[in-house]
C-alpha atoms as a PDB file:
ATOM      1  CA  UNK A   1     104.629 -85.981 -14.060  1.00  0.00           C
ATOM      2  CA  UNK A   2     108.180 -87.023 -13.344  1.00  0.00           C
ATOM      3  CA  UNK A   3     109.717 -85.823 -16.509  1.00  0.00           C
ATOM      4  CA  UNK A   4     108.445 -82.595 -18.184  1.00  0.00           C
ATOM      5  CA  UNK A   5     109.072 -83.595 -21.878  1.00  0.00           C
ATOM      6  CA  UNK A   6     107.332 -82.328 -24.969  1.00  0.00           C
ATOM      7  CA  UNK A   7     105.138 -85.432 -25.258  1.00  0.00           C
ATOM      8  CA  UNK A   8     103.810 -84.773 -21.740  1.00  0.00           C
ATOM      9  CA  UNK A   9     103.101 -81.071 -22.488  1.00  0.00           C
ATOM     10  CA  UNK A  10     101.314 -81.945 -25.655  1.00  0.00           C
ATOM     11  CA  UNK A  11      99.172 -84.735 -23.959  1.00  0.00           C
ATOM     12  CA  UNK A  12      98.325 -82.220 -21.188  1.00  0.00           C
ATOM     13  CA  UNK A  13      97.260 -79.664 -23.759  1.00  0.00           C
ATOM     14  CA  UNK A  14      95.153 -82.194 -25.573  1.00  0.00           C
ATOM     15  CA  UNK A  15      93.476 -83.174 -22.315  1.00  0.00           C
ATOM     16  CA  UNK A  16      92.870 -79.602 -21.564  1.00  0.00           C
ATOM     17  CA  UNK A  17      91.233 -78.735 -24.841  1.00  0.00           C
ATOM     18  CA  UNK A  18      88.977 -82.089 -24.429  1.00  0.00           C
ATOM     19  CA  UNK A  19      88.136 -80.959 -20.957  1.00  0.00           C
ATOM     20  CA  UNK A  20      87.322 -77.430 -21.985  1.00  0.00           C
ATOM     21  CA  UNK A  21      85.005 -78.968 -24.719  1.00  0.00           C
ATOM     22  CA  UNK A  22      83.235 -81.192 -22.183  1.00  0.00           C
ATOM     23  CA  UNK A  23      82.844 -78.264 -19.862  1.00  0.00           C
ATOM     24  CA  UNK A  24      80.875 -76.585 -22.516  1.00  0.00           C
ATOM     25  CA  UNK A  25      78.253 -79.334 -22.442  1.00  0.00           C
ATOM     26  CA  UNK A  26      77.001 -78.615 -19.042  1.00  0.00           C
ATOM     27  CA  UNK A  27      73.666 -79.071 -17.788  1.00  0.00           C
ATOM     28  CA  UNK A  28      71.575 -78.590 -14.543  1.00  0.00           C
ATOM     29  CA  UNK A  29      70.251 -81.248 -12.482  1.00  0.00           C
ATOM     30  CA  UNK A  30      66.373 -80.887 -12.118  1.00  0.00           C
ATOM     31  CA  UNK A  31      66.216 -80.763  -8.345  1.00  0.00           C
ATOM     32  CA  UNK A  32      69.054 -78.376  -7.707  1.00  0.00           C
ATOM     33  CA  UNK A  33      69.366 -74.591  -8.463  1.00  0.00           C
ATOM     34  CA  UNK A  34      70.068 -73.696 -12.027  1.00  0.00           C
ATOM     35  CA  UNK A  35      73.317 -72.167 -11.103  1.00  0.00           C
ATOM     36  CA  UNK A  36      74.665 -75.549 -10.159  1.00  0.00           C
ATOM     37  CA  UNK A  37      75.806 -77.152 -13.391  1.00  0.00           C
ATOM     38  CA  UNK A  38      77.057 -80.698 -14.178  1.00  0.00           C
ATOM     39  CA  UNK A  39      79.717 -81.284 -16.809  1.00  0.00           C
ATOM     40  CA  UNK A  40      81.954 -84.209 -17.471  1.00  0.00           C
ATOM     41  CA  UNK A  41      85.368 -82.158 -17.944  1.00  0.00           C
ATOM     42  CA  UNK A  42      86.926 -83.887 -15.042  1.00  0.00           C
ATOM     43  CA  UNK A  43      87.119 -87.166 -16.863  1.00  0.00           C
ATOM     44  CA  UNK A  44      89.874 -86.274 -19.143  1.00  0.00           C
ATOM     45  CA  UNK A  45      91.470 -84.520 -16.238  1.00  0.00           C
ATOM     46  CA  UNK A  46      91.280 -87.763 -14.291  1.00  0.00           C
ATOM     47  CA  UNK A  47      92.846 -89.739 -17.266  1.00  0.00           C
ATOM     48  CA  UNK A  48      95.636 -87.275 -17.493  1.00  0.00           C
ATOM     49  CA  UNK A  49      96.184 -87.628 -13.697  1.00  0.00           C
ATOM     50  CA  UNK A  50      96.387 -91.493 -13.933  1.00  0.00           C
ATOM     51  CA  UNK A  51      98.631 -91.506 -16.987  1.00  0.00           C
ATOM     52  CA  UNK A  52     101.282 -88.794 -16.193  1.00  0.00           C
ATOM     53  CA  UNK A  53     100.656 -88.116 -12.369  1.00  0.00           C
ATOM     54  CA  UNK A  54      98.492 -85.879 -10.296  1.00  0.00           C
ATOM     55  CA  UNK A  55     100.311 -82.737 -11.163  1.00  0.00           C
ATOM     56  CA  UNK A  56      99.227 -83.284 -14.701  1.00  0.00           C
ATOM     57  CA  UNK A  57      95.551 -83.590 -13.659  1.00  0.00           C
ATOM     58  CA  UNK A  58      95.967 -80.311 -11.831  1.00  0.00           C
ATOM     59  CA  UNK A  59      97.573 -78.538 -14.901  1.00  0.00           C
ATOM     60  CA  UNK A  60      94.674 -79.789 -17.157  1.00  0.00           C
ATOM     61  CA  UNK A  61      92.125 -78.567 -14.505  1.00  0.00           C
ATOM     62  CA  UNK A  62      93.905 -75.108 -14.523  1.00  0.00           C
ATOM     63  CA  UNK A  63      94.182 -74.908 -18.304  1.00  0.00           C
ATOM     64  CA  UNK A  64      90.505 -75.895 -18.828  1.00  0.00           C
ATOM     65  CA  UNK A  65      89.456 -72.987 -16.477  1.00  0.00           C
ATOM     66  CA  UNK A  66      91.712 -70.484 -17.869  1.00  0.00           C
ATOM     67  CA  UNK A  67      90.561 -71.246 -21.403  1.00  0.00           C
ATOM     68  CA  UNK A  68      86.916 -70.935 -20.192  1.00  0.00           C
ATOM     69  CA  UNK A  69      87.532 -67.672 -18.508  1.00  0.00           C
ATOM     70  CA  UNK A  70      89.147 -66.097 -21.470  1.00  0.00           C
ATOM     71  CA  UNK A  71      86.787 -67.628 -24.049  1.00  0.00           C
ATOM     72  CA  UNK A  72      83.395 -67.550 -22.127  1.00  0.00           C
ATOM     73  CA  UNK A  73      83.990 -64.933 -19.393  1.00  0.00           C
ATOM     74  CA  UNK A  74      82.347 -64.443 -16.035  1.00  0.00           C
ATOM     75  CA  UNK A  75      79.230 -62.924 -14.961  1.00  0.00           C
ATOM     76  CA  UNK A  76      80.989 -61.179 -12.227  1.00  0.00           C
ATOM     77  CA  UNK A  77      84.058 -60.171 -14.339  1.00  0.00           C
ATOM     78  CA  UNK A  78      86.121 -62.243 -11.814  1.00  0.00           C
ATOM     79  CA  UNK A  79      86.772 -65.792 -12.468  1.00  0.00           C
ATOM     80  CA  UNK A  80      84.812 -66.994  -9.329  1.00  0.00           C
ATOM     81  CA  UNK A  81      82.997 -69.888 -10.960  1.00  0.00           C
ATOM     82  CA  UNK A  82      86.252 -70.961 -12.836  1.00  0.00           C
ATOM     83  CA  UNK A  83      88.065 -71.009  -9.578  1.00  0.00           C
ATOM     84  CA  UNK A  84      85.355 -72.929  -7.860  1.00  0.00           C
ATOM     85  CA  UNK A  85      85.276 -75.576 -10.818  1.00  0.00           C
ATOM     86  CA  UNK A  86      89.049 -75.915 -10.513  1.00  0.00           C
ATOM     87  CA  UNK A  87      88.934 -76.376  -6.740  1.00  0.00           C
ATOM     88  CA  UNK A  88      86.138 -78.955  -7.187  1.00  0.00           C
ATOM     89  CA  UNK A  89      87.969 -80.862  -9.999  1.00  0.00           C
ATOM     90  CA  UNK A  90      91.275 -80.825  -7.943  1.00  0.00           C
ATOM     91  CA  UNK A  91      89.366 -82.110  -4.840  1.00  0.00           C
ATOM     92  CA  UNK A  92      88.111 -84.926  -6.976  1.00  0.00           C
ATOM     93  CA  UNK A  93      91.101 -86.037  -8.870  1.00  0.00           C
ATOM     94  CA  UNK A  94      93.704 -85.871  -6.173  1.00  0.00           C
ATOM     95  CA  UNK A  95      92.283 -88.608  -4.019  1.00  0.00           C
ATOM     96  CA  UNK A  96      91.251 -90.783  -6.917  1.00  0.00           C
ATOM     97  CA  UNK A  97      94.862 -90.576  -8.175  1.00  0.00           C
ATOM     98  CA  UNK A  98      96.513 -90.927  -4.988  1.00  0.00           C
ATOM     99  CA  UNK A  99      94.384 -94.170  -4.007  1.00  0.00           C
ATOM    100  CA  UNK A 100      94.695 -95.732  -7.427  1.00  0.00           C
ATOM    101  CA  UNK A 101      98.315 -95.257  -7.367  1.00  0.00           C
ATOM    102  CA  UNK A 102      98.521 -97.164  -4.102  1.00  0.00           C
ATOM    103  CA  UNK A 103      96.029 -99.900  -5.104  1.00  0.00           C
ATOM    104  CA  UNK A 104      95.872-100.263  -9.033  1.00  0.00           C
ATOM    105  CA  UNK A 105      92.760-102.336  -9.252  1.00  0.00           C
ATOM    106  CA  UNK A 106      89.071-102.130 -10.046  1.00  0.00           C
ATOM    107  CA  UNK A 107      88.471-102.122  -6.208  1.00  0.00           C
ATOM    108  CA  UNK A 108      91.284 -99.313  -5.871  1.00  0.00           C
ATOM    109  CA  UNK A 109      89.664 -97.117  -8.413  1.00  0.00           C
ATOM    110  CA  UNK A 110      86.146 -97.537  -6.814  1.00  0.00           C
ATOM    111  CA  UNK A 111      87.580 -96.679  -3.383  1.00  0.00           C
ATOM    112  CA  UNK A 112      89.458 -93.561  -4.983  1.00  0.00           C
ATOM    113  CA  UNK A 113      86.359 -92.546  -6.925  1.00  0.00           C
ATOM    114  CA  UNK A 114      84.225 -92.744  -3.541  1.00  0.00           C
ATOM    115  CA  UNK A 115      86.926 -90.729  -1.809  1.00  0.00           C
ATOM    116  CA  UNK A 116      87.109 -88.081  -4.427  1.00  0.00           C
ATOM    117  CA  UNK A 117      83.462 -87.669  -4.490  1.00  0.00           C
ATOM    118  CA  UNK A 118      83.277 -87.540  -0.574  1.00  0.00           C
ATOM    119  CA  UNK A 119      86.307 -84.941  -0.624  1.00  0.00           C
ATOM    120  CA  UNK A 120      84.815 -82.834  -3.251  1.00  0.00           C
ATOM    121  CA  UNK A 121      81.363 -82.624  -1.722  1.00  0.00           C
ATOM    122  CA  UNK A 122      82.775 -81.550   1.643  1.00  0.00           C
ATOM    123  CA  UNK A 123      85.531 -79.175   0.410  1.00  0.00           C
ATOM    124  CA  UNK A 124      83.043 -77.456  -1.868  1.00  0.00           C
ATOM    125  CA  UNK A 125      80.445 -77.123   1.005  1.00  0.00           C
ATOM    126  CA  UNK A 126      83.100 -75.457   3.223  1.00  0.00           C
ATOM    127  CA  UNK A 127      84.404 -73.198   0.482  1.00  0.00           C
ATOM    128  CA  UNK A 128      80.938 -72.175  -0.906  1.00  0.00           C
ATOM    129  CA  UNK A 129      79.999 -71.394   2.647  1.00  0.00           C
ATOM    130  CA  UNK A 130      82.983 -69.197   3.403  1.00  0.00           C
ATOM    131  CA  UNK A 131      84.414 -68.042   0.004  1.00  0.00           C
ATOM    132  CA  UNK A 132      82.492 -68.620  -3.093  1.00  0.00           C
ATOM    133  CA  UNK A 133      78.890 -67.465  -2.102  1.00  0.00           C
ATOM    134  CA  UNK A 134      80.123 -64.381  -0.271  1.00  0.00           C
ATOM    135  CA  UNK A 135      82.349 -63.726  -3.449  1.00  0.00           C
ATOM    136  CA  UNK A 136      79.300 -63.953  -5.604  1.00  0.00           C
ATOM    137  CA  UNK A 137      77.104 -61.558  -3.420  1.00  0.00           C
ATOM    138  CA  UNK A 138      80.060 -59.101  -3.317  1.00  0.00           C
ATOM    139  CA  UNK A 139      80.641 -58.998  -7.073  1.00  0.00           C
ATOM    140  CA  UNK A 140      77.227 -59.216  -8.424  1.00  0.00           C
ATOM    141  CA  UNK A 141      75.996 -56.457  -5.741  1.00  0.00           C
ATOM    142  CA  UNK A 142      73.451 -58.821  -4.464  1.00  0.00           C
ATOM    143  CA  UNK A 143      72.026 -58.602  -0.903  1.00  0.00           C
ATOM    144  CA  UNK A 144      74.202 -60.737   1.216  1.00  0.00           C
ATOM    145  CA  UNK A 145      72.784 -63.774   2.695  1.00  0.00           C
ATOM    146  CA  UNK A 146      72.551 -64.392   6.312  1.00  0.00           C
ATOM    147  CA  UNK A 147      74.596 -67.276   8.114  1.00  0.00           C
ATOM    148  CA  UNK A 148      71.454 -69.349   8.493  1.00  0.00           C
ATOM    149  CA  UNK A 149      70.412 -68.822   4.807  1.00  0.00           C
ATOM    150  CA  UNK A 150      73.825 -69.597   3.538  1.00  0.00           C
ATOM    151  CA  UNK A 151      73.955 -72.677   5.865  1.00  0.00           C
ATOM    152  CA  UNK A 152      70.688 -73.871   4.521  1.00  0.00           C
ATOM    153  CA  UNK A 153      71.583 -73.521   0.966  1.00  0.00           C
ATOM    154  CA  UNK A 154      74.806 -75.233   1.339  1.00  0.00           C
ATOM    155  CA  UNK A 155      73.108 -78.172   3.118  1.00  0.00           C
ATOM    156  CA  UNK A 156      70.007 -78.401   0.996  1.00  0.00           C
ATOM    157  CA  UNK A 157      71.688 -77.853  -2.385  1.00  0.00           C
ATOM    158  CA  UNK A 158      75.570 -77.508  -2.721  1.00  0.00           C
ATOM    159  CA  UNK A 159      76.403 -80.496  -0.714  1.00  0.00           C
ATOM    160  CA  UNK A 160      74.006 -82.913  -2.295  1.00  0.00           C
ATOM    161  CA  UNK A 161      74.667 -81.445  -5.791  1.00  0.00           C
ATOM    162  CA  UNK A 162      78.461 -82.186  -5.537  1.00  0.00           C
ATOM    163  CA  UNK A 163      77.710 -85.569  -4.050  1.00  0.00           C
ATOM    164  CA  UNK A 164      75.475 -86.285  -6.976  1.00  0.00           C
ATOM    165  CA  UNK A 165      77.857 -84.845  -9.434  1.00  0.00           C
ATOM    166  CA  UNK A 166      80.803 -86.912  -8.120  1.00  0.00           C
ATOM    167  CA  UNK A 167      78.560 -90.172  -8.406  1.00  0.00           C
ATOM    168  CA  UNK A 168      77.638 -89.243 -11.957  1.00  0.00           C
ATOM    169  CA  UNK A 169      81.232 -88.649 -12.947  1.00  0.00           C
ATOM    170  CA  UNK A 170      82.304 -91.842 -11.014  1.00  0.00           C
ATOM    171  CA  UNK A 171      79.815 -93.884 -12.949  1.00  0.00           C
ATOM    172  CA  UNK A 172      80.882 -92.562 -16.336  1.00  0.00           C
ATOM    173  CA  UNK A 173      84.605 -92.911 -15.485  1.00  0.00           C
ATOM    174  CA  UNK A 174      84.185 -96.433 -14.186  1.00  0.00           C
ATOM    175  CA  UNK A 175      82.523 -97.534 -17.399  1.00  0.00           C
ATOM    176  CA  UNK A 176      85.282 -95.718 -19.478  1.00  0.00           C
ATOM    177  CA  UNK A 177      88.096 -97.016 -17.021  1.00  0.00           C
ATOM    178  CA  UNK A 178      87.030-100.676 -17.506  1.00  0.00           C
ATOM    179  CA  UNK A 179      87.581-100.454 -21.251  1.00  0.00           C
ATOM    180  CA  UNK A 180      90.838 -98.231 -20.733  1.00  0.00           C
ATOM    181  CA  UNK A 181      92.338-100.133 -17.948  1.00  0.00           C
ATOM    182  CA  UNK A 182      94.549-102.338 -20.082  1.00  0.00           C
ATOM    183  CA  UNK A 183      95.909 -99.579 -22.039  1.00  0.00           C
ATOM    184  CA  UNK A 184      96.454 -97.326 -18.819  1.00  0.00           C
ATOM    185  CA  UNK A 185      98.385-100.361 -17.403  1.00  0.00           C
ATOM    186  CA  UNK A 186     100.454-100.466 -20.693  1.00  0.00           C
ATOM    187  CA  UNK A 187     101.301 -96.934 -20.790  1.00  0.00           C
ATOM    188  CA  UNK A 188     102.494 -97.037 -17.027  1.00  0.00           C
ATOM    189  CA  UNK A 189     104.710 -99.989 -17.884  1.00  0.00           C
ATOM    190  CA  UNK A 190     106.184 -98.179 -20.852  1.00  0.00           C
ATOM    191  CA  UNK A 191     106.735 -94.941 -18.675  1.00  0.00           C
ATOM    192  CA  UNK A 192     108.701 -97.117 -16.022  1.00  0.00           C
ATOM    193  CA  UNK A 193     110.856 -98.750 -18.825  1.00  0.00           C
ATOM    194  CA  UNK A 194     111.909 -95.220 -20.377  1.00  0.00           C
END
């Protein structure tokens, strides 16, 4: 996002609204606990990051989660879920955006999506162990899990869930990317010429 013009702000707002709507269409994956939900709201975020730069993607993630907190709320009263969603989204889109900017090809996109999936799964495993799960137990007044219980939950559910979520998003985005690639390249050329 080299130039913060009105057109960029409008585009970021539109992508944020689309991401928020997709966030509302969340669903659980059967083998994982019901509190782990998949949504495809990172797809518009990733498109924004590819079109306008990684900072635009971060803004879309932020606005989507702020909208979700104010319109839906949080079971704890504190936006722990929204902060976790924001962190997961940023951990996914930044590697994809960075790698695709270095290697703007199908192979570069596949490599970026693989790196984004791995980064998201690892970052969210560590943060769930040290931050998010303890925060949920604190704010919900639930009994605290022991370190072995927390580790078991992270290894058996959170790590594979985020890996599966990343793979699902990568497959959906790659199908979309194959159709959008000429348009994305045209937009990149137009921005460089401006």
